[in-house]
Amino acid sequence: LTSYWRDLAYWDMRYFARERWCKREKERERERERERERERERERERERERERERERREGGMGEREREREREREREREREGERGRERERGRELEREREREREREREREKQRERERERGRERARERERGRERERERERERERERERERERERVSERAGT
């Protein structure tokens, strides 16, 4: 019985620990979101800065040079985009891995629950078995009692 309560306390503790972990995880997720937002803001700022820089440079340039400059700019932009794409892909992969981990954890939890259920069922079965054994013992006792009464009646007559 004490082990039952110990188990219960343990799983309670695990449950609340998981709750706290989830809260922290959500908080971290929000923090990452804010960080990404700041990053996007910095990116826009750099973009505006490059735009102003280009404006200043293009003041004294011929058409061909301007075109070449724009082409290089677009190339750099595509590079940055590819890097961000890869980063997003990695982030998604990590997220999926965490999800799989949580799923495995839940599966283990369910398995432990089932095991405990089976253990309780076995315990009840043993209890019933003991009860039946006691009942049989009482029945035998009554039988012996009746036998003694019969013998004493025969002796009395």
N, C-alpha and C. Protein backbone atom coordinates (compact mmCIF):
# COMPACT_ATOMS: atom_id res chain seq x y z
N LEU A 1 0.84 -1.20 0.00
CA LEU A 1 0.00 0.00 0.00
C LEU A 1 0.89 1.26 0.00
N THR A 2 1.95 1.24 0.86
CA THR A 2 2.83 2.42 0.88
C THR A 2 3.44 2.64 -0.49
N SER A 3 3.80 1.54 -1.17
CA SER A 3 4.41 1.70 -2.50
C SER A 3 3.39 2.35 -3.44
N TYR A 4 2.10 2.01 -3.25
CA TYR A 4 1.07 2.63 -4.09
C TYR A 4 1.09 4.15 -3.88
N TRP A 5 1.11 4.57 -2.60
CA TRP A 5 1.10 6.01 -2.33
C TRP A 5 2.38 6.65 -2.83
N ARG A 6 3.52 5.92 -2.66
CA ARG A 6 4.78 6.45 -3.14
C ARG A 6 4.70 6.66 -4.66
N ASP A 7 4.19 5.64 -5.37
CA ASP A 7 4.01 5.76 -6.82
C ASP A 7 3.16 6.97 -7.15
N LEU A 8 2.05 7.09 -6.43
CA LEU A 8 1.13 8.18 -6.70
C LEU A 8 1.85 9.52 -6.53
N ALA A 9 2.58 9.65 -5.41
CA ALA A 9 3.31 10.90 -5.15
C ALA A 9 4.31 11.14 -6.27
N TYR A 10 5.02 10.07 -6.67
CA TYR A 10 6.02 10.20 -7.72
C TYR A 10 5.38 10.70 -9.00
N TRP A 11 4.25 10.09 -9.39
CA TRP A 11 3.65 10.49 -10.67
C TRP A 11 3.05 11.88 -10.57
N ASP A 12 2.52 12.24 -9.38
CA ASP A 12 2.06 13.61 -9.18
C ASP A 12 3.21 14.57 -9.43
N MET A 13 4.35 14.25 -8.79
CA MET A 13 5.53 15.09 -8.92
C MET A 13 5.90 15.21 -10.39
N ARG A 14 5.93 14.06 -11.10
CA ARG A 14 6.29 14.07 -12.51
C ARG A 14 5.32 14.95 -13.29
N TYR A 15 4.02 14.83 -12.99
CA TYR A 15 3.00 15.59 -13.71
C TYR A 15 3.26 17.08 -13.53
N PHE A 16 3.45 17.51 -12.27
CA PHE A 16 3.65 18.93 -12.04
C PHE A 16 4.96 19.40 -12.64
N ALA A 17 5.99 18.54 -12.58
CA ALA A 17 7.26 18.90 -13.20
C ALA A 17 7.03 19.12 -14.69
N ARG A 18 6.27 18.22 -15.32
CA ARG A 18 5.98 18.37 -16.75
C ARG A 18 5.23 19.67 -16.99
N GLU A 19 4.24 19.99 -16.13
CA GLU A 19 3.49 21.24 -16.28
C GLU A 19 4.45 22.43 -16.27
N ARG A 20 5.33 22.45 -15.26
CA ARG A 20 6.29 23.55 -15.17
C ARG A 20 7.15 23.60 -16.42
N TRP A 21 7.60 22.41 -16.88
CA TRP A 21 8.44 22.35 -18.07
C TRP A 21 7.71 22.93 -19.27
N CYS A 22 6.41 22.56 -19.41
CA CYS A 22 5.62 23.07 -20.55
C CYS A 22 5.53 24.58 -20.48
N LYS A 23 5.27 25.11 -19.27
CA LYS A 23 5.18 26.56 -19.15
C LYS A 23 6.49 27.20 -19.57
N ARG A 24 7.62 26.65 -19.06
CA ARG A 24 8.92 27.21 -19.43
C ARG A 24 9.12 27.12 -20.93
N GLU A 25 8.72 25.99 -21.53
CA GLU A 25 8.90 25.78 -22.97
C GLU A 25 8.10 26.84 -23.74
N LYS A 26 6.84 27.09 -23.31
CA LYS A 26 6.02 28.10 -23.97
C LYS A 26 6.70 29.45 -23.87
N GLU A 27 7.21 29.76 -22.66
CA GLU A 27 7.89 31.04 -22.44
C GLU A 27 9.08 31.16 -23.38
N ARG A 28 9.87 30.07 -23.48
CA ARG A 28 11.03 30.08 -24.38
C ARG A 28 10.57 30.30 -25.82
N GLU A 29 9.47 29.64 -26.19
CA GLU A 29 8.95 29.78 -27.56
C GLU A 29 8.59 31.24 -27.83
N ARG A 30 7.87 31.87 -26.87
CA ARG A 30 7.53 33.28 -27.02
C ARG A 30 8.79 34.13 -27.15
N GLU A 31 9.80 33.81 -26.33
CA GLU A 31 11.07 34.55 -26.37
C GLU A 31 11.70 34.42 -27.75
N ARG A 32 11.74 33.18 -28.28
CA ARG A 32 12.30 32.97 -29.62
C ARG A 32 11.51 33.76 -30.65
N GLU A 33 10.18 33.78 -30.50
CA GLU A 33 9.33 34.52 -31.44
C GLU A 33 9.71 36.00 -31.40
N ARG A 34 9.82 36.55 -30.17
CA ARG A 34 10.22 37.96 -30.04
C ARG A 34 11.58 38.19 -30.69
N GLU A 35 12.51 37.23 -30.46
CA GLU A 35 13.86 37.35 -31.03
C GLU A 35 13.76 37.38 -32.55
N ARG A 36 12.97 36.45 -33.13
CA ARG A 36 12.80 36.44 -34.59
C ARG A 36 12.22 37.77 -35.07
N GLU A 37 11.24 38.29 -34.31
CA GLU A 37 10.62 39.57 -34.69
C GLU A 37 11.68 40.67 -34.70
N ARG A 38 12.51 40.73 -33.65
CA ARG A 38 13.59 41.72 -33.60
C ARG A 38 14.53 41.54 -34.78
N GLU A 39 14.84 40.25 -35.09
CA GLU A 39 15.74 39.95 -36.22
C GLU A 39 15.13 40.50 -37.52
N ARG A 40 13.83 40.22 -37.73
CA ARG A 40 13.16 40.73 -38.94
C ARG A 40 13.23 42.26 -38.98
N GLU A 41 13.02 42.89 -37.81
CA GLU A 41 13.07 44.35 -37.74
C GLU A 41 14.45 44.84 -38.14
N ARG A 42 15.51 44.21 -37.58
CA ARG A 42 16.89 44.59 -37.94
C ARG A 42 17.10 44.40 -39.44
N GLU A 43 16.57 43.28 -39.97
CA GLU A 43 16.72 42.99 -41.40
C GLU A 43 16.09 44.11 -42.23
N ARG A 44 14.86 44.52 -41.86
CA ARG A 44 14.19 45.62 -42.58
C ARG A 44 15.03 46.89 -42.48
N GLU A 45 15.58 47.14 -41.28
CA GLU A 45 16.40 48.34 -41.07
C GLU A 45 17.61 48.30 -42.01
N ARG A 46 18.30 47.14 -42.05
CA ARG A 46 19.45 47.00 -42.95
C ARG A 46 19.03 47.22 -44.39
N GLU A 47 17.85 46.68 -44.75
CA GLU A 47 17.34 46.84 -46.12
C GLU A 47 17.18 48.33 -46.45
N ARG A 48 16.53 49.07 -45.53
CA ARG A 48 16.35 50.51 -45.75
C ARG A 48 17.71 51.20 -45.88
N GLU A 49 18.65 50.78 -45.01
CA GLU A 49 20.01 51.36 -45.03
C GLU A 49 20.65 51.12 -46.40
N ARG A 50 20.58 49.86 -46.88
CA ARG A 50 21.14 49.54 -48.20
C ARG A 50 20.48 50.38 -49.28
N GLU A 51 19.16 50.55 -49.15
CA GLU A 51 18.40 51.35 -50.13
C GLU A 51 18.97 52.77 -50.17
N ARG A 52 19.12 53.39 -48.99
CA ARG A 52 19.67 54.76 -48.93
C ARG A 52 21.08 54.80 -49.52
N GLU A 53 21.89 53.77 -49.15
CA GLU A 53 23.28 53.68 -49.65
C GLU A 53 23.27 53.64 -51.18
N ARG A 54 22.41 52.80 -51.75
CA ARG A 54 22.31 52.66 -53.20
C ARG A 54 21.93 54.00 -53.81
N GLU A 55 20.94 54.67 -53.17
CA GLU A 55 20.52 55.98 -53.68
C GLU A 55 21.72 56.91 -53.78
N ARG A 56 22.52 56.97 -52.69
CA ARG A 56 23.69 57.86 -52.69
C ARG A 56 24.66 57.46 -53.79
N ARG A 57 24.95 56.12 -53.89
CA ARG A 57 25.93 55.68 -54.89
C ARG A 57 25.45 55.94 -56.31
N GLU A 58 24.15 55.66 -56.56
CA GLU A 58 23.67 55.71 -57.94
C GLU A 58 23.60 57.13 -58.48
N GLY A 59 23.80 58.09 -57.60
CA GLY A 59 23.78 59.47 -58.08
C GLY A 59 24.77 59.67 -59.23
N GLY A 60 26.03 59.14 -59.10
CA GLY A 60 27.03 59.41 -60.13
C GLY A 60 27.34 58.23 -61.03
N MET A 61 26.44 57.26 -61.16
CA MET A 61 26.77 56.05 -61.93
C MET A 61 26.05 56.02 -63.26
N GLY A 62 26.68 55.31 -64.22
CA GLY A 62 26.00 55.10 -65.49
C GLY A 62 24.97 53.98 -65.36
N GLU A 63 24.14 53.84 -66.40
CA GLU A 63 23.04 52.85 -66.37
C GLU A 63 23.55 51.43 -66.20
N ARG A 64 24.63 51.05 -66.97
CA ARG A 64 25.13 49.66 -66.88
C ARG A 64 25.60 49.34 -65.46
N GLU A 65 26.38 50.28 -64.86
CA GLU A 65 26.88 50.03 -63.51
C GLU A 65 25.72 49.89 -62.54
N ARG A 66 24.71 50.74 -62.68
CA ARG A 66 23.55 50.66 -61.80
C ARG A 66 22.92 49.28 -61.90
N GLU A 67 22.78 48.80 -63.16
CA GLU A 67 22.17 47.47 -63.40
C GLU A 67 23.00 46.39 -62.72
N ARG A 68 24.35 46.45 -62.93
CA ARG A 68 25.23 45.45 -62.32
C ARG A 68 25.09 45.48 -60.79
N GLU A 69 25.07 46.68 -60.22
CA GLU A 69 24.95 46.84 -58.76
C GLU A 69 23.65 46.19 -58.27
N ARG A 70 22.56 46.48 -58.99
CA ARG A 70 21.27 45.89 -58.61
C ARG A 70 21.34 44.37 -58.65
N GLU A 71 22.00 43.83 -59.69
CA GLU A 71 22.13 42.36 -59.85
C GLU A 71 22.87 41.78 -58.65
N ARG A 72 24.02 42.38 -58.30
CA ARG A 72 24.78 41.90 -57.13
C ARG A 72 23.92 41.95 -55.87
N GLU A 73 23.17 43.04 -55.72
CA GLU A 73 22.29 43.21 -54.56
C GLU A 73 21.28 42.07 -54.48
N ARG A 74 20.63 41.80 -55.65
CA ARG A 74 19.64 40.70 -55.68
C ARG A 74 20.30 39.38 -55.31
N GLU A 75 21.53 39.14 -55.80
CA GLU A 75 22.25 37.89 -55.50
C GLU A 75 22.46 37.75 -53.99
N ARG A 76 22.96 38.84 -53.37
CA ARG A 76 23.16 38.80 -51.91
C ARG A 76 21.84 38.51 -51.20
N GLU A 77 20.77 39.14 -51.69
CA GLU A 77 19.44 38.95 -51.10
C GLU A 77 19.04 37.47 -51.16
N ARG A 78 19.22 36.85 -52.36
CA ARG A 78 18.87 35.43 -52.52
C ARG A 78 19.67 34.57 -51.56
N GLU A 79 20.99 34.87 -51.42
CA GLU A 79 21.84 34.11 -50.48
C GLU A 79 21.25 34.15 -49.08
N GLY A 80 20.94 35.37 -48.62
CA GLY A 80 20.37 35.54 -47.27
C GLY A 80 19.09 34.73 -47.13
N GLU A 81 18.25 34.79 -48.19
CA GLU A 81 16.97 34.07 -48.17
C GLU A 81 17.22 32.57 -48.00
N ARG A 82 18.20 32.03 -48.79
CA ARG A 82 18.50 30.60 -48.70
C ARG A 82 18.94 30.23 -47.29
N GLY A 83 19.81 31.07 -46.70
CA GLY A 83 20.28 30.80 -45.33
C GLY A 83 19.12 30.74 -44.36
N ARG A 84 18.20 31.72 -44.49
CA ARG A 84 17.05 31.74 -43.59
C ARG A 84 16.19 30.50 -43.80
N GLU A 85 16.02 30.09 -45.09
CA GLU A 85 15.23 28.88 -45.39
C GLU A 85 15.83 27.68 -44.67
N ARG A 86 17.16 27.49 -44.82
CA ARG A 86 17.84 26.36 -44.16
C ARG A 86 17.59 26.41 -42.66
N GLU A 87 17.75 27.62 -42.08
CA GLU A 87 17.57 27.77 -40.62
C GLU A 87 16.15 27.36 -40.23
N ARG A 88 15.15 27.83 -41.02
CA ARG A 88 13.76 27.47 -40.72
C ARG A 88 13.57 25.96 -40.80
N GLY A 89 14.18 25.33 -41.82
CA GLY A 89 14.09 23.87 -41.96
C GLY A 89 14.65 23.16 -40.75
N ARG A 90 15.83 23.61 -40.30
CA ARG A 90 16.44 23.00 -39.11
C ARG A 90 15.53 23.17 -37.90
N GLU A 91 14.97 24.39 -37.75
CA GLU A 91 14.08 24.68 -36.60
C GLU A 91 12.89 23.71 -36.62
N LEU A 92 12.28 23.55 -37.83
CA LEU A 92 11.14 22.62 -37.95
C LEU A 92 11.56 21.21 -37.56
N GLU A 93 12.74 20.77 -38.03
CA GLU A 93 13.22 19.41 -37.73
C GLU A 93 13.37 19.23 -36.23
N ARG A 94 13.98 20.24 -35.57
CA ARG A 94 14.13 20.15 -34.11
C ARG A 94 12.76 20.06 -33.44
N GLU A 95 11.81 20.87 -33.94
CA GLU A 95 10.45 20.85 -33.36
C GLU A 95 9.84 19.46 -33.48
N ARG A 96 9.96 18.86 -34.70
CA ARG A 96 9.43 17.50 -34.90
C ARG A 96 10.10 16.52 -33.96
N GLU A 97 11.42 16.65 -33.78
CA GLU A 97 12.15 15.73 -32.88
C GLU A 97 11.61 15.85 -31.46
N ARG A 98 11.41 17.11 -31.00
CA ARG A 98 10.86 17.30 -29.65
C ARG A 98 9.48 16.67 -29.56
N GLU A 99 8.66 16.83 -30.62
CA GLU A 99 7.31 16.25 -30.62
C GLU A 99 7.39 14.74 -30.49
N ARG A 100 8.30 14.11 -31.30
CA ARG A 100 8.47 12.65 -31.20
C ARG A 100 8.88 12.25 -29.80
N GLU A 101 9.80 13.04 -29.19
CA GLU A 101 10.27 12.73 -27.83
C GLU A 101 9.09 12.77 -26.85
N ARG A 102 8.27 13.85 -26.97
CA ARG A 102 7.10 13.96 -26.08
C ARG A 102 6.18 12.76 -26.28
N GLU A 103 5.99 12.35 -27.57
CA GLU A 103 5.10 11.21 -27.86
C GLU A 103 5.63 9.94 -27.20
N ARG A 104 6.96 9.70 -27.33
CA ARG A 104 7.56 8.53 -26.67
C ARG A 104 7.32 8.58 -25.17
N GLU A 105 7.50 9.78 -24.58
CA GLU A 105 7.31 9.95 -23.13
C GLU A 105 5.86 9.60 -22.76
N ARG A 106 4.89 10.13 -23.56
CA ARG A 106 3.48 9.84 -23.28
C ARG A 106 3.21 8.35 -23.38
N GLU A 107 3.83 7.70 -24.40
CA GLU A 107 3.62 6.26 -24.60
C GLU A 107 4.12 5.50 -23.37
N LYS A 108 5.34 5.87 -22.90
CA LYS A 108 5.89 5.22 -21.70
C LYS A 108 4.92 5.40 -20.54
N GLN A 109 4.41 6.65 -20.39
CA GLN A 109 3.48 6.96 -19.30
C GLN A 109 2.26 6.03 -19.38
N ARG A 110 1.67 5.92 -20.60
CA ARG A 110 0.50 5.06 -20.77
C ARG A 110 0.84 3.62 -20.41
N GLU A 111 2.04 3.17 -20.83
CA GLU A 111 2.45 1.78 -20.53
C GLU A 111 2.51 1.57 -19.03
N ARG A 112 3.10 2.55 -18.32
CA ARG A 112 3.19 2.43 -16.86
C ARG A 112 1.79 2.40 -16.26
N GLU A 113 0.89 3.26 -16.79
CA GLU A 113 -0.50 3.26 -16.30
C GLU A 113 -1.11 1.87 -16.46
N ARG A 114 -0.97 1.29 -17.68
CA ARG A 114 -1.53 -0.04 -17.93
C ARG A 114 -0.94 -1.05 -16.96
N GLU A 115 0.39 -0.98 -16.76
CA GLU A 115 1.06 -1.93 -15.85
C GLU A 115 0.48 -1.81 -14.46
N ARG A 116 0.29 -0.56 -14.00
CA ARG A 116 -0.28 -0.37 -12.67
C ARG A 116 -1.69 -0.94 -12.61
N GLY A 117 -2.48 -0.73 -13.67
CA GLY A 117 -3.84 -1.29 -13.72
C GLY A 117 -3.80 -2.80 -13.59
N ARG A 118 -2.90 -3.44 -14.37
CA ARG A 118 -2.77 -4.90 -14.30
C ARG A 118 -2.38 -5.33 -12.90
N GLU A 119 -1.44 -4.58 -12.28
CA GLU A 119 -0.98 -4.92 -10.92
C GLU A 119 -2.15 -4.86 -9.96
N ARG A 120 -2.96 -3.78 -10.06
CA ARG A 120 -4.13 -3.65 -9.17
C ARG A 120 -5.09 -4.81 -9.39
N ALA A 121 -5.30 -5.19 -10.67
CA ALA A 121 -6.21 -6.31 -10.96
C ALA A 121 -5.68 -7.58 -10.31
N ARG A 122 -4.35 -7.83 -10.46
CA ARG A 122 -3.76 -9.02 -9.82
C ARG A 122 -3.97 -8.97 -8.32
N GLU A 123 -3.78 -7.77 -7.73
CA GLU A 123 -3.93 -7.61 -6.28
C GLU A 123 -5.37 -7.97 -5.87
N ARG A 124 -6.36 -7.42 -6.61
CA ARG A 124 -7.76 -7.74 -6.30
C ARG A 124 -8.01 -9.23 -6.40
N GLU A 125 -7.43 -9.84 -7.48
CA GLU A 125 -7.63 -11.29 -7.68
C GLU A 125 -7.08 -12.06 -6.49
N ARG A 126 -5.87 -11.69 -6.03
CA ARG A 126 -5.28 -12.36 -4.86
C ARG A 126 -6.19 -12.18 -3.65
N GLY A 127 -6.73 -10.96 -3.47
CA GLY A 127 -7.65 -10.70 -2.34
C GLY A 127 -8.85 -11.63 -2.41
N ARG A 128 -9.46 -11.72 -3.61
CA ARG A 128 -10.64 -12.60 -3.77
C ARG A 128 -10.26 -14.04 -3.48
N GLU A 129 -9.05 -14.44 -3.96
CA GLU A 129 -8.60 -15.83 -3.74
C GLU A 129 -8.49 -16.10 -2.25
N ARG A 130 -7.88 -15.18 -1.50
CA ARG A 130 -7.76 -15.35 -0.04
C ARG A 130 -9.14 -15.45 0.58
N GLU A 131 -10.08 -14.59 0.11
CA GLU A 131 -11.44 -14.60 0.65
C GLU A 131 -12.08 -15.97 0.42
N ARG A 132 -11.95 -16.49 -0.82
CA ARG A 132 -12.51 -17.82 -1.12
C ARG A 132 -11.89 -18.88 -0.23
N GLU A 133 -10.56 -18.77 -0.01
CA GLU A 133 -9.85 -19.75 0.84
C GLU A 133 -10.44 -19.70 2.25
N ARG A 134 -10.63 -18.49 2.78
CA ARG A 134 -11.21 -18.36 4.13
C ARG A 134 -12.61 -18.98 4.16
N GLU A 135 -13.39 -18.70 3.09
CA GLU A 135 -14.76 -19.25 3.02
C GLU A 135 -14.71 -20.77 3.07
N ARG A 136 -13.82 -21.39 2.26
CA ARG A 136 -13.69 -22.86 2.27
C ARG A 136 -13.30 -23.35 3.66
N GLU A 137 -12.38 -22.61 4.30
CA GLU A 137 -11.93 -23.00 5.65
C GLU A 137 -13.12 -22.98 6.61
N ARG A 138 -13.93 -21.91 6.56
CA ARG A 138 -15.12 -21.83 7.43
C ARG A 138 -16.06 -22.99 7.15
N GLU A 139 -16.24 -23.29 5.84
CA GLU A 139 -17.13 -24.40 5.46
C GLU A 139 -16.63 -25.70 6.08
N ARG A 140 -15.33 -25.98 5.96
CA ARG A 140 -14.76 -27.20 6.56
C ARG A 140 -14.99 -27.21 8.06
N GLU A 141 -14.79 -26.01 8.69
CA GLU A 141 -14.98 -25.91 10.15
C GLU A 141 -16.42 -26.28 10.51
N ARG A 142 -17.40 -25.70 9.75
CA ARG A 142 -18.82 -26.02 10.01
C ARG A 142 -19.07 -27.52 9.86
N GLU A 143 -18.46 -28.09 8.79
CA GLU A 143 -18.64 -29.53 8.53
C GLU A 143 -18.14 -30.34 9.72
N ARG A 144 -16.94 -30.00 10.22
CA ARG A 144 -16.39 -30.71 11.39
C ARG A 144 -17.32 -30.55 12.58
N GLU A 145 -17.87 -29.32 12.75
CA GLU A 145 -18.78 -29.05 13.87
C GLU A 145 -19.99 -29.97 13.78
N ARG A 146 -20.61 -30.05 12.57
CA ARG A 146 -21.77 -30.92 12.37
C ARG A 146 -21.42 -32.37 12.69
N GLU A 147 -20.23 -32.78 12.22
CA GLU A 147 -19.77 -34.16 12.45
C GLU A 147 -19.70 -34.42 13.95
N ARG A 148 -19.09 -33.47 14.70
CA ARG A 148 -18.99 -33.64 16.15
C ARG A 148 -20.37 -33.75 16.77
N GLU A 149 -21.33 -32.91 16.32
CA GLU A 149 -22.69 -32.98 16.87
C GLU A 149 -23.31 -34.34 16.61
N ARG A 150 -23.15 -34.85 15.37
CA ARG A 150 -23.70 -36.16 15.05
C ARG A 150 -23.13 -37.23 15.97
N VAL A 151 -21.80 -37.18 16.15
CA VAL A 151 -21.14 -38.18 17.00
C VAL A 151 -21.68 -38.09 18.43
N SER A 152 -21.81 -36.85 18.94
CA SER A 152 -22.29 -36.71 20.33
C SER A 152 -23.75 -37.18 20.44
N GLU A 153 -24.58 -36.93 19.38
CA GLU A 153 -25.96 -37.42 19.41
C GLU A 153 -25.98 -38.93 19.48
N ARG A 154 -25.14 -39.57 18.61
CA ARG A 154 -25.09 -41.02 18.61
C ARG A 154 -24.65 -41.53 19.98
N ALA A 155 -23.69 -40.85 20.57
CA ALA A 155 -23.20 -41.28 21.89
C ALA A 155 -24.30 -41.09 22.93
N GLY A 156 -25.09 -40.00 22.76
CA GLY A 156 -26.16 -39.71 23.73
C GLY A 156 -27.28 -40.74 23.69
N THR A 157 -27.62 -41.28 22.49
CA THR A 157 -28.74 -42.22 22.41
C THR A 157 -28.33 -43.63 22.77
